[in-house]
């Protein structure tokens, strides 16, 4: 299982411990996204930074679409099936996405892949960046609805 984590709020008035946690997650700016595996370490980091990020389980089709549209290599080159096939053990982007969602692979397994995915602000905007998702806002855990948000941000 893999989570997609998107930073929603900025750096102003953020406690140092939370800022350090966001830096460890590589979420330096608003609308940056990372794909992380399910583990107790990352669960603690997400719990600590829940007031600044939103996350949920990403599905295979959303991850394939995300990597195709917004995935970048060093030198700002786009990720292609040809590059994935020649520089890794995977056959294509969809094969890579399938293994990442299952938890068998990570984005860092691909040579020269940038682990942070830069996204556009979502179409129709966030629904309040000061409230949790369960109360109608945009922060915290949102389950499979993260896929809808990511599609609006691609």
N, C-alpha and C. Protein backbone atom coordinates (compact mmCIF):
# COMPACT_ATOMS: atom_id res chain seq x y z
N UNK A 1 0.84 -1.17 0.00
CA UNK A 1 0.00 0.00 0.00
C UNK A 1 0.89 1.24 0.00
N UNK A 2 0.52 2.23 -0.77
CA UNK A 2 1.27 3.47 -0.86
C UNK A 2 0.33 4.64 -0.63
N UNK A 3 0.87 5.67 -0.03
CA UNK A 3 0.12 6.89 0.23
C UNK A 3 0.63 8.01 -0.66
N UNK A 4 -0.27 8.84 -1.13
CA UNK A 4 0.09 10.09 -1.78
C UNK A 4 -0.10 11.19 -0.75
N UNK A 5 0.94 12.01 -0.54
CA UNK A 5 0.90 13.08 0.45
C UNK A 5 1.09 14.39 -0.29
N UNK A 6 0.17 15.34 -0.07
CA UNK A 6 0.21 16.65 -0.73
C UNK A 6 0.27 17.73 0.33
N UNK A 7 1.20 18.66 0.18
CA UNK A 7 1.27 19.78 1.12
C UNK A 7 0.22 20.82 0.73
N UNK A 8 -0.54 21.27 1.74
CA UNK A 8 -1.64 22.19 1.51
C UNK A 8 -1.36 23.59 2.04
N UNK A 9 -0.64 23.69 3.16
CA UNK A 9 -0.40 24.98 3.78
C UNK A 9 1.08 25.35 3.70
N UNK A 10 1.36 26.64 3.86
CA UNK A 10 2.70 27.17 3.70
C UNK A 10 3.55 27.14 4.96
N UNK A 11 4.62 27.96 4.99
CA UNK A 11 5.64 27.93 6.05
C UNK A 11 5.43 28.94 7.18
N UNK A 12 4.51 29.85 7.06
CA UNK A 12 4.38 30.92 8.04
C UNK A 12 3.85 30.36 9.36
N UNK A 13 4.53 30.72 10.45
CA UNK A 13 4.15 30.32 11.82
C UNK A 13 4.08 28.82 12.02
N UNK A 14 4.98 28.09 11.41
CA UNK A 14 5.03 26.63 11.59
C UNK A 14 6.07 26.33 12.66
N UNK A 15 5.71 25.47 13.62
CA UNK A 15 6.67 25.09 14.66
C UNK A 15 7.87 24.37 14.02
N UNK A 16 9.02 24.52 14.65
CA UNK A 16 10.26 23.97 14.11
C UNK A 16 10.17 22.45 13.93
N UNK A 17 9.57 21.74 14.87
CA UNK A 17 9.50 20.28 14.77
C UNK A 17 8.64 19.84 13.59
N UNK A 18 7.57 20.57 13.35
CA UNK A 18 6.70 20.23 12.21
C UNK A 18 7.40 20.60 10.90
N UNK A 19 8.10 21.71 10.89
CA UNK A 19 8.85 22.12 9.69
C UNK A 19 9.92 21.08 9.35
N UNK A 20 10.60 20.57 10.37
CA UNK A 20 11.60 19.53 10.14
C UNK A 20 10.98 18.25 9.59
N UNK A 21 9.82 17.90 10.12
CA UNK A 21 9.11 16.71 9.63
C UNK A 21 8.72 16.88 8.17
N UNK A 22 8.23 18.05 7.80
CA UNK A 22 7.86 18.31 6.40
C UNK A 22 9.09 18.27 5.49
N UNK A 23 10.22 18.75 5.99
CA UNK A 23 11.45 18.67 5.21
C UNK A 23 11.90 17.22 5.02
N UNK A 24 11.73 16.39 6.07
CA UNK A 24 12.08 14.98 5.95
C UNK A 24 11.18 14.26 4.95
N UNK A 25 9.94 14.72 4.85
CA UNK A 25 9.01 14.16 3.86
C UNK A 25 9.27 14.73 2.46
N UNK A 26 10.18 15.70 2.35
CA UNK A 26 10.51 16.41 1.11
C UNK A 26 9.37 17.30 0.61
N UNK A 27 8.52 17.76 1.52
CA UNK A 27 7.42 18.63 1.15
C UNK A 27 7.80 20.07 1.50
N UNK A 28 8.59 20.70 0.63
CA UNK A 28 9.12 22.03 0.90
C UNK A 28 8.15 23.13 0.54
N UNK A 29 7.26 22.89 -0.41
CA UNK A 29 6.37 23.94 -0.90
C UNK A 29 4.94 23.43 -0.99
N UNK A 30 4.03 24.38 -1.08
CA UNK A 30 2.62 24.06 -1.24
C UNK A 30 2.42 23.40 -2.60
N UNK A 31 1.51 22.44 -2.68
CA UNK A 31 1.15 21.69 -3.89
C UNK A 31 2.25 20.76 -4.36
N UNK A 32 3.19 20.40 -3.51
CA UNK A 32 4.14 19.35 -3.81
C UNK A 32 3.59 18.04 -3.30
N UNK A 33 3.89 16.96 -4.00
CA UNK A 33 3.36 15.65 -3.67
C UNK A 33 4.50 14.64 -3.60
N UNK A 34 4.42 13.72 -2.65
CA UNK A 34 5.34 12.59 -2.57
C UNK A 34 4.52 11.32 -2.41
N UNK A 35 5.10 10.22 -2.87
CA UNK A 35 4.49 8.90 -2.72
C UNK A 35 5.32 8.15 -1.70
N UNK A 36 4.70 7.72 -0.60
CA UNK A 36 5.42 7.04 0.47
C UNK A 36 4.78 5.69 0.74
N UNK A 37 5.57 4.72 1.19
CA UNK A 37 5.01 3.42 1.54
C UNK A 37 4.35 3.47 2.91
N UNK A 38 3.52 2.48 3.17
CA UNK A 38 2.87 2.39 4.46
C UNK A 38 3.85 1.79 5.46
N UNK A 39 4.17 2.56 6.52
CA UNK A 39 5.07 2.07 7.57
C UNK A 39 4.81 2.88 8.83
N UNK A 40 5.17 2.34 9.99
CA UNK A 40 4.96 3.07 11.24
C UNK A 40 5.73 4.39 11.31
N UNK A 41 6.90 4.44 10.70
CA UNK A 41 7.70 5.67 10.70
C UNK A 41 6.96 6.78 9.96
N UNK A 42 6.49 6.47 8.75
CA UNK A 42 5.77 7.48 7.98
C UNK A 42 4.42 7.80 8.62
N UNK A 43 3.79 6.84 9.28
CA UNK A 43 2.52 7.10 9.96
C UNK A 43 2.71 8.15 11.06
N UNK A 44 3.81 8.06 11.79
CA UNK A 44 4.10 9.06 12.82
C UNK A 44 4.37 10.43 12.22
N UNK A 45 5.06 10.46 11.10
CA UNK A 45 5.35 11.73 10.44
C UNK A 45 4.07 12.38 9.92
N UNK A 46 3.16 11.57 9.37
CA UNK A 46 1.90 12.10 8.88
C UNK A 46 1.03 12.60 10.02
N UNK A 47 1.04 11.88 11.13
CA UNK A 47 0.27 12.30 12.30
C UNK A 47 0.78 13.64 12.82
N UNK A 48 2.09 13.82 12.81
CA UNK A 48 2.68 15.06 13.30
C UNK A 48 2.37 16.24 12.39
N UNK A 49 2.34 16.01 11.09
CA UNK A 49 2.16 17.10 10.14
C UNK A 49 0.74 17.17 9.58
N UNK A 50 -0.22 16.58 10.26
CA UNK A 50 -1.59 16.49 9.76
C UNK A 50 -2.27 17.83 9.53
N UNK A 51 -1.80 18.89 10.19
CA UNK A 51 -2.40 20.21 10.01
C UNK A 51 -1.82 20.99 8.84
N UNK A 52 -0.93 20.37 8.07
CA UNK A 52 -0.30 21.04 6.94
C UNK A 52 -0.36 20.23 5.65
N UNK A 53 -0.75 18.96 5.74
CA UNK A 53 -0.79 18.08 4.57
C UNK A 53 -2.11 17.34 4.50
N UNK A 54 -2.36 16.76 3.35
CA UNK A 54 -3.46 15.82 3.19
C UNK A 54 -2.90 14.57 2.53
N UNK A 55 -3.47 13.41 2.86
CA UNK A 55 -2.95 12.16 2.32
C UNK A 55 -4.05 11.11 2.24
N UNK A 56 -3.75 10.07 1.45
CA UNK A 56 -4.67 8.96 1.29
C UNK A 56 -4.04 7.88 0.43
N UNK A 57 -4.74 6.76 0.30
CA UNK A 57 -4.25 5.65 -0.50
C UNK A 57 -4.43 5.96 -1.98
N UNK A 58 -3.34 5.87 -2.71
CA UNK A 58 -3.39 6.15 -4.14
C UNK A 58 -3.65 4.86 -4.89
N UNK A 59 -4.46 4.93 -5.95
CA UNK A 59 -4.71 3.73 -6.74
C UNK A 59 -3.80 3.72 -7.97
N UNK A 60 -3.77 2.58 -8.63
CA UNK A 60 -2.83 2.37 -9.73
C UNK A 60 -3.06 3.30 -10.91
N UNK A 61 -4.32 3.52 -11.28
CA UNK A 61 -4.59 4.38 -12.44
C UNK A 61 -4.22 5.83 -12.16
N UNK A 62 -4.49 6.30 -10.95
CA UNK A 62 -4.12 7.68 -10.60
C UNK A 62 -2.62 7.86 -10.58
N UNK A 63 -1.91 6.87 -10.05
CA UNK A 63 -0.45 6.96 -10.00
C UNK A 63 0.15 6.94 -11.40
N UNK A 64 -0.37 6.12 -12.27
CA UNK A 64 0.11 6.09 -13.66
C UNK A 64 -0.12 7.44 -14.33
N UNK A 65 -1.31 7.99 -14.14
CA UNK A 65 -1.64 9.29 -14.73
C UNK A 65 -0.75 10.40 -14.15
N UNK A 66 -0.50 10.34 -12.85
CA UNK A 66 0.34 11.33 -12.18
C UNK A 66 1.78 11.27 -12.68
N UNK A 67 2.32 10.07 -12.79
CA UNK A 67 3.71 9.92 -13.26
C UNK A 67 3.85 10.31 -14.73
N UNK A 68 2.85 10.00 -15.53
CA UNK A 68 2.90 10.34 -16.95
C UNK A 68 2.85 11.86 -17.14
N UNK A 69 1.94 12.51 -16.42
CA UNK A 69 1.73 13.94 -16.63
C UNK A 69 2.75 14.81 -15.91
N UNK A 70 3.12 14.47 -14.68
CA UNK A 70 3.92 15.37 -13.86
C UNK A 70 5.24 14.80 -13.38
N UNK A 71 5.53 13.51 -13.63
CA UNK A 71 6.79 12.92 -13.20
C UNK A 71 7.95 13.48 -13.99
N UNK A 72 9.06 13.77 -13.30
CA UNK A 72 10.22 14.37 -13.96
C UNK A 72 11.50 13.63 -13.58
N UNK A 73 12.45 13.67 -14.51
CA UNK A 73 13.79 13.14 -14.29
C UNK A 73 14.72 14.32 -14.05
N UNK A 74 15.95 14.02 -13.62
CA UNK A 74 16.96 15.07 -13.47
C UNK A 74 17.14 15.76 -14.82
N UNK A 75 17.27 17.06 -14.81
CA UNK A 75 17.36 17.82 -16.04
C UNK A 75 16.00 18.22 -16.56
N UNK A 76 14.96 18.03 -15.77
CA UNK A 76 13.57 18.38 -16.10
C UNK A 76 13.05 17.66 -17.34
N UNK A 77 13.50 16.44 -17.56
CA UNK A 77 12.99 15.64 -18.66
C UNK A 77 11.79 14.83 -18.19
N UNK A 78 10.88 14.55 -19.10
CA UNK A 78 9.69 13.77 -18.77
C UNK A 78 10.04 12.29 -18.64
N UNK A 79 9.24 11.60 -17.83
CA UNK A 79 9.40 10.15 -17.67
C UNK A 79 8.62 9.46 -18.79
N UNK A 80 9.26 8.53 -19.48
CA UNK A 80 8.60 7.79 -20.55
C UNK A 80 8.71 6.29 -20.29
N UNK A 81 7.87 5.53 -20.97
CA UNK A 81 7.93 4.07 -20.87
C UNK A 81 9.29 3.55 -21.33
N UNK A 82 9.83 4.18 -22.36
CA UNK A 82 11.15 3.76 -22.90
C UNK A 82 12.23 3.94 -21.84
N UNK A 83 12.22 5.06 -21.13
CA UNK A 83 13.22 5.31 -20.08
C UNK A 83 13.06 4.31 -18.94
N UNK A 84 11.82 4.06 -18.53
CA UNK A 84 11.55 3.11 -17.43
C UNK A 84 12.05 1.72 -17.81
N UNK A 85 11.79 1.31 -19.05
CA UNK A 85 12.19 -0.03 -19.50
C UNK A 85 13.71 -0.17 -19.56
N UNK A 86 14.41 0.89 -19.99
CA UNK A 86 15.86 0.79 -20.14
C UNK A 86 16.63 1.00 -18.83
N UNK A 87 16.04 1.67 -17.84
CA UNK A 87 16.77 2.00 -16.61
C UNK A 87 16.23 1.33 -15.36
N UNK A 88 15.37 0.34 -15.50
CA UNK A 88 14.85 -0.36 -14.32
C UNK A 88 14.38 -1.74 -14.73
N UNK A 89 13.90 -2.48 -13.77
CA UNK A 89 13.41 -3.83 -14.05
C UNK A 89 11.94 -3.84 -14.46
N UNK A 90 11.32 -2.69 -14.55
CA UNK A 90 9.90 -2.60 -14.90
C UNK A 90 9.73 -2.41 -16.40
N UNK A 91 8.58 -2.88 -16.91
CA UNK A 91 8.33 -2.84 -18.36
C UNK A 91 7.78 -1.50 -18.82
N UNK A 92 6.99 -0.83 -17.94
CA UNK A 92 6.36 0.42 -18.33
C UNK A 92 5.98 1.21 -17.08
N UNK A 93 5.43 2.40 -17.30
CA UNK A 93 4.97 3.21 -16.18
C UNK A 93 3.83 2.55 -15.43
N UNK A 94 2.92 1.90 -16.15
CA UNK A 94 1.81 1.23 -15.46
C UNK A 94 2.30 0.04 -14.64
N UNK A 95 3.32 -0.65 -15.12
CA UNK A 95 3.91 -1.76 -14.35
C UNK A 95 4.58 -1.22 -13.09
N UNK A 96 5.30 -0.10 -13.22
CA UNK A 96 5.92 0.54 -12.06
C UNK A 96 4.86 0.98 -11.06
N UNK A 97 3.79 1.58 -11.54
CA UNK A 97 2.71 2.04 -10.65
C UNK A 97 2.08 0.87 -9.90
N UNK A 98 1.90 -0.24 -10.60
CA UNK A 98 1.31 -1.43 -9.96
C UNK A 98 2.19 -1.91 -8.81
N UNK A 99 3.50 -1.95 -9.03
CA UNK A 99 4.42 -2.41 -7.99
C UNK A 99 4.54 -1.41 -6.83
N UNK A 100 4.45 -0.12 -7.12
CA UNK A 100 4.50 0.87 -6.06
C UNK A 100 3.26 0.78 -5.18
N UNK A 101 2.10 0.63 -5.79
CA UNK A 101 0.85 0.52 -5.02
C UNK A 101 0.85 -0.73 -4.15
N UNK A 102 1.41 -1.83 -4.68
CA UNK A 102 1.50 -3.06 -3.88
C UNK A 102 2.52 -2.94 -2.76
N UNK A 103 3.48 -2.04 -2.90
CA UNK A 103 4.51 -1.86 -1.89
C UNK A 103 5.80 -2.58 -2.21
N UNK A 104 5.92 -3.12 -3.43
CA UNK A 104 7.13 -3.85 -3.84
C UNK A 104 8.24 -2.94 -4.35
N UNK A 105 7.92 -1.69 -4.68
CA UNK A 105 8.90 -0.79 -5.27
C UNK A 105 8.70 0.62 -4.73
N UNK A 106 9.69 1.47 -4.99
CA UNK A 106 9.62 2.89 -4.62
C UNK A 106 10.03 3.71 -5.83
N UNK A 107 9.69 4.97 -5.81
CA UNK A 107 10.09 5.85 -6.92
C UNK A 107 11.60 6.01 -6.98
N UNK A 108 12.27 5.86 -5.84
CA UNK A 108 13.72 6.01 -5.84
C UNK A 108 14.44 4.83 -6.48
N UNK A 109 13.70 3.77 -6.84
CA UNK A 109 14.30 2.65 -7.56
C UNK A 109 14.65 3.02 -9.00
N UNK A 110 14.03 4.08 -9.51
CA UNK A 110 14.28 4.54 -10.87
C UNK A 110 15.45 5.53 -10.84
N UNK A 111 16.44 5.29 -11.68
CA UNK A 111 17.62 6.14 -11.72
C UNK A 111 17.24 7.55 -12.19
N UNK A 112 17.75 8.56 -11.48
CA UNK A 112 17.56 9.98 -11.80
C UNK A 112 16.12 10.46 -11.73
N UNK A 113 15.25 9.76 -11.01
CA UNK A 113 13.85 10.20 -10.88
C UNK A 113 13.75 11.19 -9.74
N UNK A 114 13.07 12.30 -9.95
CA UNK A 114 12.85 13.28 -8.89
C UNK A 114 11.72 12.78 -8.00
N UNK A 115 11.97 12.63 -6.68
CA UNK A 115 10.97 12.04 -5.80
C UNK A 115 9.80 12.96 -5.47
N UNK A 116 9.95 14.26 -5.71
CA UNK A 116 8.88 15.20 -5.44
C UNK A 116 8.17 15.53 -6.74
N UNK A 117 6.86 15.44 -6.71
CA UNK A 117 6.05 15.73 -7.90
C UNK A 117 5.38 17.08 -7.68
N UNK A 118 5.67 18.01 -8.56
CA UNK A 118 5.11 19.36 -8.43
C UNK A 118 3.78 19.41 -9.15
N UNK A 119 2.75 19.88 -8.46
CA UNK A 119 1.39 19.88 -9.00
C UNK A 119 0.86 21.30 -9.14
N UNK A 120 -0.17 21.45 -9.96
CA UNK A 120 -0.90 22.70 -10.06
C UNK A 120 -1.84 22.82 -8.86
N UNK A 121 -2.28 24.02 -8.52
CA UNK A 121 -3.35 24.12 -7.52
C UNK A 121 -4.60 23.42 -8.05
N UNK A 122 -5.42 22.86 -7.16
CA UNK A 122 -6.57 22.09 -7.65
C UNK A 122 -7.62 22.97 -8.32
N UNK A 123 -8.23 22.44 -9.38
CA UNK A 123 -9.36 23.12 -10.01
C UNK A 123 -10.49 23.18 -8.99
N UNK A 124 -11.16 24.29 -8.91
CA UNK A 124 -12.22 24.58 -7.92
C UNK A 124 -11.65 24.80 -6.53
N UNK A 125 -10.34 24.78 -6.37
CA UNK A 125 -9.68 25.12 -5.12
C UNK A 125 -9.80 24.08 -4.02
N UNK A 126 -9.12 24.37 -2.91
CA UNK A 126 -9.26 23.54 -1.72
C UNK A 126 -10.54 23.96 -1.00
N UNK A 127 -11.09 23.06 -0.21
CA UNK A 127 -12.31 23.40 0.52
C UNK A 127 -11.96 23.79 1.94
N UNK A 128 -11.15 24.82 2.10
CA UNK A 128 -10.77 25.32 3.42
C UNK A 128 -9.48 24.69 3.89
N UNK A 129 -8.43 25.48 4.06
CA UNK A 129 -7.13 24.94 4.44
C UNK A 129 -6.88 25.02 5.94
N UNK A 130 -7.91 25.27 6.72
CA UNK A 130 -7.75 25.34 8.17
C UNK A 130 -8.57 24.29 8.90
N UNK A 131 -9.32 23.48 8.16
CA UNK A 131 -10.16 22.46 8.79
C UNK A 131 -9.78 21.08 8.27
N UNK A 132 -10.00 20.06 9.10
CA UNK A 132 -9.73 18.69 8.63
C UNK A 132 -10.74 18.25 7.58
N UNK A 133 -10.35 17.25 6.81
CA UNK A 133 -11.20 16.76 5.73
C UNK A 133 -12.53 16.23 6.26
N UNK A 134 -12.52 15.64 7.44
CA UNK A 134 -13.74 15.08 8.01
C UNK A 134 -14.76 16.15 8.36
N UNK A 135 -14.33 17.39 8.52
CA UNK A 135 -15.24 18.49 8.82
C UNK A 135 -15.44 19.42 7.62
N UNK A 136 -15.12 18.96 6.44
CA UNK A 136 -15.36 19.73 5.23
C UNK A 136 -14.17 20.53 4.75
N UNK A 137 -13.01 20.36 5.34
CA UNK A 137 -11.82 21.10 4.93
C UNK A 137 -10.96 20.28 3.99
N UNK A 138 -9.65 20.60 3.97
CA UNK A 138 -8.75 19.92 3.05
C UNK A 138 -7.61 19.20 3.75
N UNK A 139 -7.51 19.28 5.06
CA UNK A 139 -6.35 18.75 5.76
C UNK A 139 -6.56 17.33 6.27
N UNK A 140 -5.46 16.61 6.47
CA UNK A 140 -5.51 15.30 7.10
C UNK A 140 -5.82 14.16 6.15
N UNK A 141 -6.22 13.05 6.76
CA UNK A 141 -6.46 11.81 6.02
C UNK A 141 -7.75 11.91 5.23
N UNK A 142 -7.70 11.51 3.94
CA UNK A 142 -8.90 11.54 3.12
C UNK A 142 -9.16 10.23 2.38
N UNK A 143 -8.40 9.20 2.66
CA UNK A 143 -8.66 7.89 2.08
C UNK A 143 -8.51 7.87 0.57
N UNK A 144 -9.43 7.20 -0.10
CA UNK A 144 -9.37 7.07 -1.55
C UNK A 144 -9.76 8.36 -2.28
N UNK A 145 -10.30 9.33 -1.58
CA UNK A 145 -10.67 10.59 -2.22
C UNK A 145 -9.44 11.42 -2.60
N UNK A 146 -8.25 10.98 -2.19
CA UNK A 146 -7.02 11.66 -2.60
C UNK A 146 -6.86 11.56 -4.12
N UNK A 147 -7.39 10.48 -4.70
CA UNK A 147 -7.29 10.30 -6.15
C UNK A 147 -8.07 11.39 -6.90
N UNK A 148 -9.23 11.77 -6.36
CA UNK A 148 -10.01 12.87 -6.98
C UNK A 148 -9.24 14.18 -6.91
N UNK A 149 -8.62 14.45 -5.75
CA UNK A 149 -7.83 15.67 -5.60
C UNK A 149 -6.65 15.69 -6.57
N UNK A 150 -5.95 14.57 -6.67
CA UNK A 150 -4.79 14.51 -7.57
C UNK A 150 -5.20 14.72 -9.02
N UNK A 151 -6.32 14.18 -9.42
CA UNK A 151 -6.78 14.39 -10.81
C UNK A 151 -7.12 15.85 -11.06
N UNK A 152 -7.62 16.55 -10.03
CA UNK A 152 -7.90 17.97 -10.18
C UNK A 152 -6.63 18.81 -10.22
N UNK A 153 -5.53 18.25 -9.71
CA UNK A 153 -4.27 18.99 -9.63
C UNK A 153 -3.30 18.70 -10.79
N UNK A 154 -3.56 17.68 -11.58
CA UNK A 154 -2.66 17.32 -12.69
C UNK A 154 -2.74 18.34 -13.80
